Amino acid sequence: MSDVKHYSNGEITIVWKSEKCAHSANCFRNLPVVFNPRVKPWIQPHNAVTGEIVQVVQGCPSGALTILDGDVPQPE
């Protein structure tokens, strides 16, 4: 069963699919104020501007991180 999480800053929603994650750490290296596995939640989209987040997510090699427009709530 897939673990999918949603993290929103009000403008966009970052979607993380854990089973697709290759743990390349590109997100952490490129934007550690948002993507930090040492804190909970590990994705904190309010810590950077939307454009920076989109750029880093687009560089995710596995496709585990994607962007949705707008504020999409975390499913129950």
C-alpha atoms as a PDB file:
ATOM      1  CA  MET A   1       0.000   0.000   0.000  1.00  0.00           C
ATOM      2  CA  SER A   2       1.338   3.383  -1.031  1.00  0.00           C
ATOM      3  CA  ASP A   3       2.049   6.116   1.495  1.00  0.00           C
ATOM      4  CA  VAL A   4       1.162   9.503  -0.037  1.00  0.00           C
ATOM      5  CA  LYS A   5       1.480  12.747   1.918  1.00  0.00           C
ATOM      6  CA  HIS A   6       0.389  16.281   1.039  1.00  0.00           C
ATOM      7  CA  TYR A   7       2.094  19.456   2.298  1.00  0.00           C
ATOM      8  CA  SER A   8       0.668  22.865   1.361  1.00  0.00           C
ATOM      9  CA  ASN A   9       1.845  26.455   1.681  1.00  0.00           C
ATOM     10  CA  GLY A  10      -1.537  27.795   0.535  1.00  0.00           C
ATOM     11  CA  GLU A  11      -0.355  28.412  -3.051  1.00  0.00           C
ATOM     12  CA  ILE A  12       0.795  24.920  -3.988  1.00  0.00           C
ATOM     13  CA  THR A  13       0.701  21.451  -2.505  1.00  0.00           C
ATOM     14  CA  ILE A  14       3.746  19.204  -2.487  1.00  0.00           C
ATOM     15  CA  VAL A  15       2.798  15.544  -2.920  1.00  0.00           C
ATOM     16  CA  TRP A  16       5.275  12.944  -1.658  1.00  0.00           C
ATOM     17  CA  LYS A  17       4.923   9.283  -2.653  1.00  0.00           C
ATOM     18  CA  SER A  18       7.195   7.361  -0.306  1.00  0.00           C
ATOM     19  CA  GLU A  19       7.291   4.158  -2.350  1.00  0.00           C
ATOM     20  CA  LYS A  20       8.721   6.047  -5.357  1.00  0.00           C
ATOM     21  CA  CYS A  21      11.403   7.853  -3.332  1.00  0.00           C
ATOM     22  CA  ALA A  22      14.958   6.854  -4.324  1.00  0.00           C
ATOM     23  CA  HIS A  23      16.429   8.804  -1.368  1.00  0.00           C
ATOM     24  CA  SER A  24      18.807  10.719  -3.637  1.00  0.00           C
ATOM     25  CA  ALA A  25      18.622  13.641  -1.157  1.00  0.00           C
ATOM     26  CA  ASN A  26      18.483  16.167  -4.015  1.00  0.00           C
ATOM     27  CA  CYS A  27      15.609  17.942  -2.298  1.00  0.00           C
ATOM     28  CA  PHE A  28      17.489  18.157   1.011  1.00  0.00           C
ATOM     29  CA  ARG A  29      20.734  19.332  -0.626  1.00  0.00           C
ATOM     30  CA  ASN A  30      18.982  21.970  -2.731  1.00  0.00           C
ATOM     31  CA  LEU A  31      16.414  23.324  -0.230  1.00  0.00           C
ATOM     32  CA  PRO A  32      17.050  22.040   3.313  1.00  0.00           C
ATOM     33  CA  VAL A  33      14.800  24.680   4.909  1.00  0.00           C
ATOM     34  CA  VAL A  34      11.841  22.903   3.267  1.00  0.00           C
ATOM     35  CA  PHE A  35      13.027  19.297   2.851  1.00  0.00           C
ATOM     36  CA  ASN A  36      14.685  18.098   6.060  1.00  0.00           C
ATOM     37  CA  PRO A  37      14.331  14.448   7.097  1.00  0.00           C
ATOM     38  CA  ARG A  38      15.693  15.297  10.554  1.00  0.00           C
ATOM     39  CA  VAL A  39      12.531  17.201  11.569  1.00  0.00           C
ATOM     40  CA  LYS A  40       8.821  16.377  11.617  1.00  0.00           C
ATOM     41  CA  PRO A  41       7.082  16.939   9.324  1.00  0.00           C
ATOM     42  CA  TRP A  42      10.055  16.536   7.022  1.00  0.00           C
ATOM     43  CA  ILE A  43       8.507  18.806   4.371  1.00  0.00           C
ATOM     44  CA  GLN A  44       7.814  22.365   5.560  1.00  0.00           C
ATOM     45  CA  PRO A  45       6.594  24.363   2.549  1.00  0.00           C
ATOM     46  CA  HIS A  46       6.111  27.613   4.478  1.00  0.00           C
ATOM     47  CA  ASN A  47       9.897  27.960   4.847  1.00  0.00           C
ATOM     48  CA  ALA A  48      10.574  29.078   1.240  1.00  0.00           C
ATOM     49  CA  VAL A  49       8.910  30.872  -1.645  1.00  0.00           C
ATOM     50  CA  THR A  50       6.810  28.844  -4.046  1.00  0.00           C
ATOM     51  CA  GLY A  51       9.151  29.320  -7.022  1.00  0.00           C
ATOM     52  CA  GLU A  52      12.101  27.813  -5.142  1.00  0.00           C
ATOM     53  CA  ILE A  53      10.021  24.828  -4.064  1.00  0.00           C
ATOM     54  CA  VAL A  54       8.718  24.175  -7.577  1.00  0.00           C
ATOM     55  CA  GLN A  55      12.243  24.279  -8.998  1.00  0.00           C
ATOM     56  CA  VAL A  56      13.537  21.737  -6.474  1.00  0.00           C
ATOM     57  CA  VAL A  57      10.525  19.422  -6.857  1.00  0.00           C
ATOM     58  CA  GLN A  58      10.928  19.462 -10.648  1.00  0.00           C
ATOM     59  CA  GLY A  59      14.466  18.135 -10.101  1.00  0.00           C
ATOM     60  CA  CYS A  60      13.307  15.071  -8.172  1.00  0.00           C
ATOM     61  CA  PRO A  61      14.871  12.164 -10.100  1.00  0.00           C
ATOM     62  CA  SER A  62      12.403   9.492  -8.973  1.00  0.00           C
ATOM     63  CA  GLY A  63       9.170  11.466  -9.372  1.00  0.00           C
ATOM     64  CA  ALA A  64       8.351  10.889  -5.700  1.00  0.00           C
ATOM     65  CA  LEU A  65       7.791  14.640  -5.285  1.00  0.00           C
ATOM     66  CA  THR A  66       5.211  16.430  -7.394  1.00  0.00           C
ATOM     67  CA  ILE A  67       3.324  19.737  -7.221  1.00  0.00           C
ATOM     68  CA  LEU A  68      -0.410  20.420  -7.325  1.00  0.00           C
ATOM     69  CA  ASP A  69      -1.738  23.943  -7.784  1.00  0.00           C
ATOM     70  CA  GLY A  70      -3.527  25.387  -4.778  1.00  0.00           C
ATOM     71  CA  ASP A  71      -4.123  24.207  -1.247  1.00  0.00           C
ATOM     72  CA  VAL A  72      -5.028  20.521  -1.351  1.00  0.00           C
ATOM     73  CA  PRO A  73      -5.836  19.144   2.093  1.00  0.00           C
ATOM     74  CA  GLN A  74      -4.227  15.962   3.404  1.00  0.00           C
ATOM     75  CA  PRO A  75      -6.671  13.071   2.861  1.00  0.00           C
ATOM     76  CA  GLU A  76      -8.000  11.483   6.065  1.00  0.00           C
END
